[in-house]
Amino acid sequence: NGITFADCAHFLIVTEESLEDCSARLPEGVIMDIRKFRPNVVLRVSPAPWDEDYWGAVKIHGNNDDGDGIVMPLTANCIRCTSINIDYDTGKPGEGEEGKMLKKLMSDRRVDKGAKYSPIFGRYGYLGKGLGKTINVGDEVDVTKRLAERTTWGELFSCLHRSLTSGRLAGVTMRADNNLIDWPGLGTA
């Protein structure tokens, strides 16, 4: 079984609350390494773990905000694979309970009808509005759209097509720990 890394969206958004739920599945004192989930944006705005499963869009208010903020439609769940079991210090499969996180999430996180055999953690997002703006650690975030039910994996591509054809998606500059990260944009389809 090999691991593939897919680019399904500009951003992968996760919450600290859901990460804390993952850590609670490990022995006392062990904290799940957020890097294993490979998010671009980590938020602390959720009223409960896994609430982000129902988010359709978020708005980030940055320091250079003109009131409009940066709007990110969230279109699909992130389906998880064995990469979250890897020990980042050795590059090999993790030992002990840390090497069993995928199985631990299988018990209650297989909630996407389009990927019924895989757990989910995180939401894929796109830059909908906010070209040229900057995201900083500590920016205020609002959930601007809630979904009645979770999205289904196969629907991602129809959402992507709508996003690409509704206008030009372009890059955004993110600032974290005084380092700038430029995200190249996509042109219209």
C-alpha atoms as a PDB file:
ATOM      1  CA  ASN A   1       0.000   0.000   0.000  1.00  0.00           C
ATOM      2  CA  GLY A   2       1.484   3.329  -1.030  1.00  0.00           C
ATOM      3  CA  ILE A   3       0.682   6.835   0.121  1.00  0.00           C
ATOM      4  CA  THR A   4      -0.239   9.566  -2.318  1.00  0.00           C
ATOM      5  CA  PHE A   5      -0.391  13.266  -1.573  1.00  0.00           C
ATOM      6  CA  ALA A   6      -3.214  14.985  -3.380  1.00  0.00           C
ATOM      7  CA  ASP A   7      -3.769  18.666  -4.037  1.00  0.00           C
ATOM      8  CA  CYS A   8      -7.510  18.939  -3.828  1.00  0.00           C
ATOM      9  CA  ALA A   9      -7.697  22.600  -2.857  1.00  0.00           C
ATOM     10  CA  HIS A  10      -5.732  25.732  -2.051  1.00  0.00           C
ATOM     11  CA  PHE A  11      -6.099  25.246   1.688  1.00  0.00           C
ATOM     12  CA  LEU A  12      -6.700  22.573   4.285  1.00  0.00           C
ATOM     13  CA  ILE A  13      -8.376  23.961   7.382  1.00  0.00           C
ATOM     14  CA  VAL A  14      -8.472  22.085  10.685  1.00  0.00           C
ATOM     15  CA  THR A  15      -9.389  23.070  14.236  1.00  0.00           C
ATOM     16  CA  GLU A  16      -7.449  22.806  17.462  1.00  0.00           C
ATOM     17  CA  GLU A  17     -10.586  21.418  19.108  1.00  0.00           C
ATOM     18  CA  SER A  18     -10.606  18.392  16.782  1.00  0.00           C
ATOM     19  CA  LEU A  19      -6.852  17.952  17.260  1.00  0.00           C
ATOM     20  CA  GLU A  20      -7.447  17.878  21.023  1.00  0.00           C
ATOM     21  CA  ASP A  21     -10.003  15.102  20.470  1.00  0.00           C
ATOM     22  CA  CYS A  22      -7.310  13.135  18.594  1.00  0.00           C
ATOM     23  CA  SER A  23      -4.840  13.687  21.439  1.00  0.00           C
ATOM     24  CA  ALA A  24      -7.437  12.458  23.948  1.00  0.00           C
ATOM     25  CA  ARG A  25      -7.329   9.097  22.138  1.00  0.00           C
ATOM     26  CA  LEU A  26      -3.627   8.736  22.994  1.00  0.00           C
ATOM     27  CA  PRO A  27      -2.049   7.843  26.348  1.00  0.00           C
ATOM     28  CA  GLU A  28      -2.043  10.607  28.964  1.00  0.00           C
ATOM     29  CA  GLY A  29       0.556  13.276  28.242  1.00  0.00           C
ATOM     30  CA  VAL A  30       0.920  12.380  24.544  1.00  0.00           C
ATOM     31  CA  ILE A  31      -0.165  15.083  22.107  1.00  0.00           C
ATOM     32  CA  MET A  32      -0.998  14.368  18.462  1.00  0.00           C
ATOM     33  CA  ASP A  33       1.419  16.167  16.139  1.00  0.00           C
ATOM     34  CA  ILE A  34      -0.616  18.614  14.011  1.00  0.00           C
ATOM     35  CA  ARG A  35       1.997  18.391  11.226  1.00  0.00           C
ATOM     36  CA  LYS A  36       0.839  14.843  10.483  1.00  0.00           C
ATOM     37  CA  PHE A  37      -2.469  16.268   9.216  1.00  0.00           C
ATOM     38  CA  ARG A  38      -0.628  18.782   6.977  1.00  0.00           C
ATOM     39  CA  PRO A  39      -3.005  21.751   7.390  1.00  0.00           C
ATOM     40  CA  ASN A  40      -2.408  25.206   5.957  1.00  0.00           C
ATOM     41  CA  VAL A  41      -4.698  26.936   8.451  1.00  0.00           C
ATOM     42  CA  VAL A  42      -5.358  25.867  12.055  1.00  0.00           C
ATOM     43  CA  LEU A  43      -8.295  27.585  13.750  1.00  0.00           C
ATOM     44  CA  ARG A  44      -9.535  27.797  17.317  1.00  0.00           C
ATOM     45  CA  VAL A  45     -13.130  28.877  16.759  1.00  0.00           C
ATOM     46  CA  SER A  46     -15.095  25.662  16.969  1.00  0.00           C
ATOM     47  CA  PRO A  47     -17.690  25.216  19.725  1.00  0.00           C
ATOM     48  CA  ALA A  48     -16.895  21.474  19.782  1.00  0.00           C
ATOM     49  CA  PRO A  49     -14.589  18.941  18.124  1.00  0.00           C
ATOM     50  CA  TRP A  50     -15.577  18.069  14.566  1.00  0.00           C
ATOM     51  CA  ASP A  51     -17.981  21.019  14.208  1.00  0.00           C
ATOM     52  CA  GLU A  52     -16.010  22.033  11.104  1.00  0.00           C
ATOM     53  CA  ASP A  53     -17.551  19.044   9.300  1.00  0.00           C
ATOM     54  CA  TYR A  54     -20.566  21.330   8.800  1.00  0.00           C
ATOM     55  CA  TRP A  55     -18.779  24.513   7.748  1.00  0.00           C
ATOM     56  CA  GLY A  56     -19.457  25.801   4.250  1.00  0.00           C
ATOM     57  CA  ALA A  57     -17.349  28.980   4.476  1.00  0.00           C
ATOM     58  CA  VAL A  58     -15.188  30.998   6.845  1.00  0.00           C
ATOM     59  CA  LYS A  59     -14.236  34.666   6.861  1.00  0.00           C
ATOM     60  CA  ILE A  60     -10.855  35.763   8.206  1.00  0.00           C
ATOM     61  CA  HIS A  61     -10.442  39.351   9.375  1.00  0.00           C
ATOM     62  CA  GLY A  62      -6.808  40.384   9.024  1.00  0.00           C
ATOM     63  CA  ASN A  63      -4.874  43.415  10.246  1.00  0.00           C
ATOM     64  CA  ASN A  64      -5.145  45.024   6.817  1.00  0.00           C
ATOM     65  CA  ASP A  65      -8.860  44.243   6.697  1.00  0.00           C
ATOM     66  CA  ASP A  66     -11.089  46.741   4.931  1.00  0.00           C
ATOM     67  CA  GLY A  67     -14.180  45.115   6.431  1.00  0.00           C
ATOM     68  CA  ASP A  68     -14.574  42.496   3.720  1.00  0.00           C
ATOM     69  CA  GLY A  69     -11.997  40.049   5.096  1.00  0.00           C
ATOM     70  CA  ILE A  70     -10.798  36.943   3.340  1.00  0.00           C
ATOM     71  CA  VAL A  71     -13.625  34.584   2.445  1.00  0.00           C
ATOM     72  CA  MET A  72     -12.879  30.885   2.009  1.00  0.00           C
ATOM     73  CA  PRO A  73     -15.583  28.524   0.742  1.00  0.00           C
ATOM     74  CA  LEU A  74     -15.035  25.070   2.265  1.00  0.00           C
ATOM     75  CA  THR A  75     -16.053  22.426  -0.225  1.00  0.00           C
ATOM     76  CA  ALA A  76     -15.045  18.953   0.960  1.00  0.00           C
ATOM     77  CA  ASN A  77     -13.774  16.808   3.795  1.00  0.00           C
ATOM     78  CA  CYS A  78     -10.159  15.682   3.958  1.00  0.00           C
ATOM     79  CA  ILE A  79     -10.012  11.903   3.799  1.00  0.00           C
ATOM     80  CA  ARG A  80      -7.224  10.485   5.941  1.00  0.00           C
ATOM     81  CA  CYS A  81      -4.723   7.751   5.122  1.00  0.00           C
ATOM     82  CA  THR A  82      -1.855   5.958   6.860  1.00  0.00           C
ATOM     83  CA  SER A  83       0.409   9.016   6.654  1.00  0.00           C
ATOM     84  CA  ILE A  84      -0.955  10.156  10.039  1.00  0.00           C
ATOM     85  CA  ASN A  85       0.649   7.067  11.609  1.00  0.00           C
ATOM     86  CA  ILE A  86       4.193   7.951  10.484  1.00  0.00           C
ATOM     87  CA  ASP A  87       6.813   8.884  13.094  1.00  0.00           C
ATOM     88  CA  TYR A  88       8.235  12.173  11.788  1.00  0.00           C
ATOM     89  CA  ASP A  89      11.536  11.671  13.642  1.00  0.00           C
ATOM     90  CA  THR A  90      12.312   8.364  11.907  1.00  0.00           C
ATOM     91  CA  GLY A  91      10.182   8.498   8.756  1.00  0.00           C
ATOM     92  CA  LYS A  92       8.947   5.009   9.606  1.00  0.00           C
ATOM     93  CA  PRO A  93       5.544   3.817  10.817  1.00  0.00           C
ATOM     94  CA  GLY A  94       4.974   5.007  14.373  1.00  0.00           C
ATOM     95  CA  GLU A  95       5.219   2.604  17.257  1.00  0.00           C
ATOM     96  CA  GLY A  96       2.732   2.206  20.079  1.00  0.00           C
ATOM     97  CA  GLU A  97      -0.518   4.122  20.206  1.00  0.00           C
ATOM     98  CA  GLU A  98       0.792   7.015  18.097  1.00  0.00           C
ATOM     99  CA  GLY A  99       1.185   4.599  15.198  1.00  0.00           C
ATOM    100  CA  LYS A 100      -2.489   3.633  15.437  1.00  0.00           C
ATOM    101  CA  MET A 101      -4.201   7.011  14.992  1.00  0.00           C
ATOM    102  CA  LEU A 102      -5.823   6.050  11.693  1.00  0.00           C
ATOM    103  CA  LYS A 103      -7.447   3.036  13.345  1.00  0.00           C
ATOM    104  CA  LYS A 104      -8.505   5.174  16.326  1.00  0.00           C
ATOM    105  CA  LEU A 105     -10.254   7.616  13.985  1.00  0.00           C
ATOM    106  CA  MET A 106     -11.932   4.762  12.098  1.00  0.00           C
ATOM    107  CA  SER A 107     -14.151   4.057  15.107  1.00  0.00           C
ATOM    108  CA  ASP A 108     -16.194   7.258  14.788  1.00  0.00           C
ATOM    109  CA  ARG A 109     -14.789   9.511  12.018  1.00  0.00           C
ATOM    110  CA  ARG A 110     -15.889   7.511   8.953  1.00  0.00           C
ATOM    111  CA  VAL A 111     -18.652  10.049   8.390  1.00  0.00           C
ATOM    112  CA  ASP A 112     -18.352  10.863   4.676  1.00  0.00           C
ATOM    113  CA  LYS A 113     -20.714   8.797   2.507  1.00  0.00           C
ATOM    114  CA  GLY A 114     -18.369   9.196  -0.469  1.00  0.00           C
ATOM    115  CA  ALA A 115     -15.422   7.689   1.417  1.00  0.00           C
ATOM    116  CA  LYS A 116     -17.131   5.322   3.787  1.00  0.00           C
ATOM    117  CA  TYR A 117     -13.990   3.321   4.632  1.00  0.00           C
ATOM    118  CA  SER A 118     -11.781   6.304   5.560  1.00  0.00           C
ATOM    119  CA  PRO A 119     -11.923   8.723   8.469  1.00  0.00           C
ATOM    120  CA  ILE A 120     -12.015  12.461   7.843  1.00  0.00           C
ATOM    121  CA  PHE A 121     -10.283  15.347   9.572  1.00  0.00           C
ATOM    122  CA  GLY A 122     -10.300  18.868   8.132  1.00  0.00           C
ATOM    123  CA  ARG A 123     -12.009  20.767   5.327  1.00  0.00           C
ATOM    124  CA  TYR A 124     -10.655  21.754   1.929  1.00  0.00           C
ATOM    125  CA  GLY A 125     -11.009  25.444   1.113  1.00  0.00           C
ATOM    126  CA  TYR A 126     -10.482  27.966  -1.662  1.00  0.00           C
ATOM    127  CA  LEU A 127      -9.815  31.665  -1.766  1.00  0.00           C
ATOM    128  CA  GLY A 128     -13.196  33.089  -2.658  1.00  0.00           C
ATOM    129  CA  LYS A 129     -12.549  36.738  -1.813  1.00  0.00           C
ATOM    130  CA  GLY A 130      -9.499  38.477  -0.478  1.00  0.00           C
ATOM    131  CA  LEU A 131      -6.867  38.684  -3.193  1.00  0.00           C
ATOM    132  CA  GLY A 132      -3.758  40.436  -1.928  1.00  0.00           C
ATOM    133  CA  LYS A 133      -4.708  40.285   1.729  1.00  0.00           C
ATOM    134  CA  THR A 134      -2.646  38.719   4.476  1.00  0.00           C
ATOM    135  CA  ILE A 135      -3.579  36.121   7.085  1.00  0.00           C
ATOM    136  CA  ASN A 136      -1.802  36.430  10.433  1.00  0.00           C
ATOM    137  CA  VAL A 137      -1.624  34.186  13.456  1.00  0.00           C
ATOM    138  CA  GLY A 138      -4.321  35.434  15.838  1.00  0.00           C
ATOM    139  CA  ASP A 139      -6.683  36.889  13.207  1.00  0.00           C
ATOM    140  CA  GLU A 140     -10.379  36.788  14.032  1.00  0.00           C
ATOM    141  CA  VAL A 141     -12.371  34.145  12.135  1.00  0.00           C
ATOM    142  CA  ASP A 142     -16.125  33.777  11.617  1.00  0.00           C
ATOM    143  CA  VAL A 143     -17.960  30.770  10.263  1.00  0.00           C
ATOM    144  CA  THR A 144     -20.157  32.470   7.667  1.00  0.00           C
ATOM    145  CA  LYS A 145     -21.925  29.439   6.217  1.00  0.00           C
ATOM    146  CA  ARG A 146     -23.088  26.293   7.985  1.00  0.00           C
ATOM    147  CA  LEU A 147     -24.271  23.209   6.139  1.00  0.00           C
ATOM    148  CA  ALA A 148     -27.324  21.152   7.098  1.00  0.00           C
ATOM    149  CA  GLU A 149     -25.312  17.969   6.527  1.00  0.00           C
ATOM    150  CA  ARG A 150     -21.741  16.966   5.786  1.00  0.00           C
ATOM    151  CA  THR A 151     -20.527  17.151   2.208  1.00  0.00           C
ATOM    152  CA  THR A 152     -19.941  13.942   0.270  1.00  0.00           C
ATOM    153  CA  TRP A 153     -16.517  13.231  -1.211  1.00  0.00           C
ATOM    154  CA  GLY A 154     -17.500  12.823  -4.890  1.00  0.00           C
ATOM    155  CA  GLU A 155     -19.124  16.248  -4.901  1.00  0.00           C
ATOM    156  CA  LEU A 156     -15.777  18.036  -4.487  1.00  0.00           C
ATOM    157  CA  PHE A 157     -15.083  18.219  -8.189  1.00  0.00           C
ATOM    158  CA  SER A 158     -18.400  19.826  -9.089  1.00  0.00           C
ATOM    159  CA  CYS A 159     -17.749  22.426  -6.364  1.00  0.00           C
ATOM    160  CA  LEU A 160     -14.236  23.006  -7.693  1.00  0.00           C
ATOM    161  CA  HIS A 161     -15.579  23.505 -11.210  1.00  0.00           C
ATOM    162  CA  ARG A 162     -18.099  26.085  -9.940  1.00  0.00           C
ATOM    163  CA  SER A 163     -15.337  27.899  -8.013  1.00  0.00           C
ATOM    164  CA  LEU A 164     -13.016  28.002 -10.998  1.00  0.00           C
ATOM    165  CA  THR A 165     -15.646  29.169 -13.463  1.00  0.00           C
ATOM    166  CA  SER A 166     -17.217  31.800 -11.185  1.00  0.00           C
ATOM    167  CA  GLY A 167     -14.180  34.051 -11.475  1.00  0.00           C
ATOM    168  CA  ARG A 168     -10.442  34.157 -11.193  1.00  0.00           C
ATOM    169  CA  LEU A 169      -9.003  32.502  -8.090  1.00  0.00           C
ATOM    170  CA  ALA A 170      -5.667  33.998  -7.214  1.00  0.00           C
ATOM    171  CA  GLY A 171      -3.025  33.807  -4.542  1.00  0.00           C
ATOM    172  CA  VAL A 172      -3.054  35.015  -0.976  1.00  0.00           C
ATOM    173  CA  THR A 173      -0.079  35.764   1.210  1.00  0.00           C
ATOM    174  CA  MET A 174      -0.064  34.107   4.618  1.00  0.00           C
ATOM    175  CA  ARG A 175       2.058  35.371   7.486  1.00  0.00           C
ATOM    176  CA  ALA A 176       3.005  32.972  10.286  1.00  0.00           C
ATOM    177  CA  ASP A 177       5.808  33.619  12.759  1.00  0.00           C
ATOM    178  CA  ASN A 178       7.058  36.504  10.568  1.00  0.00           C
ATOM    179  CA  ASN A 179       7.579  34.222   7.565  1.00  0.00           C
ATOM    180  CA  LEU A 180       5.688  34.932   4.361  1.00  0.00           C
ATOM    181  CA  ILE A 181       4.209  32.089   2.370  1.00  0.00           C
ATOM    182  CA  ASP A 182       2.853  32.873  -1.101  1.00  0.00           C
ATOM    183  CA  TRP A 183       0.134  30.657  -2.519  1.00  0.00           C
ATOM    184  CA  PRO A 184      -0.065  30.751  -6.315  1.00  0.00           C
ATOM    185  CA  GLY A 185      -3.535  31.138  -7.740  1.00  0.00           C
ATOM    186  CA  LEU A 186      -5.474  29.303 -10.348  1.00  0.00           C
ATOM    187  CA  GLY A 187      -6.785  30.945 -13.503  1.00  0.00           C
ATOM    188  CA  THR A 188     -10.308  30.483 -14.752  1.00  0.00           C
ATOM    189  CA  ALA A 189     -11.162  27.171 -16.349  1.00  0.00           C
END
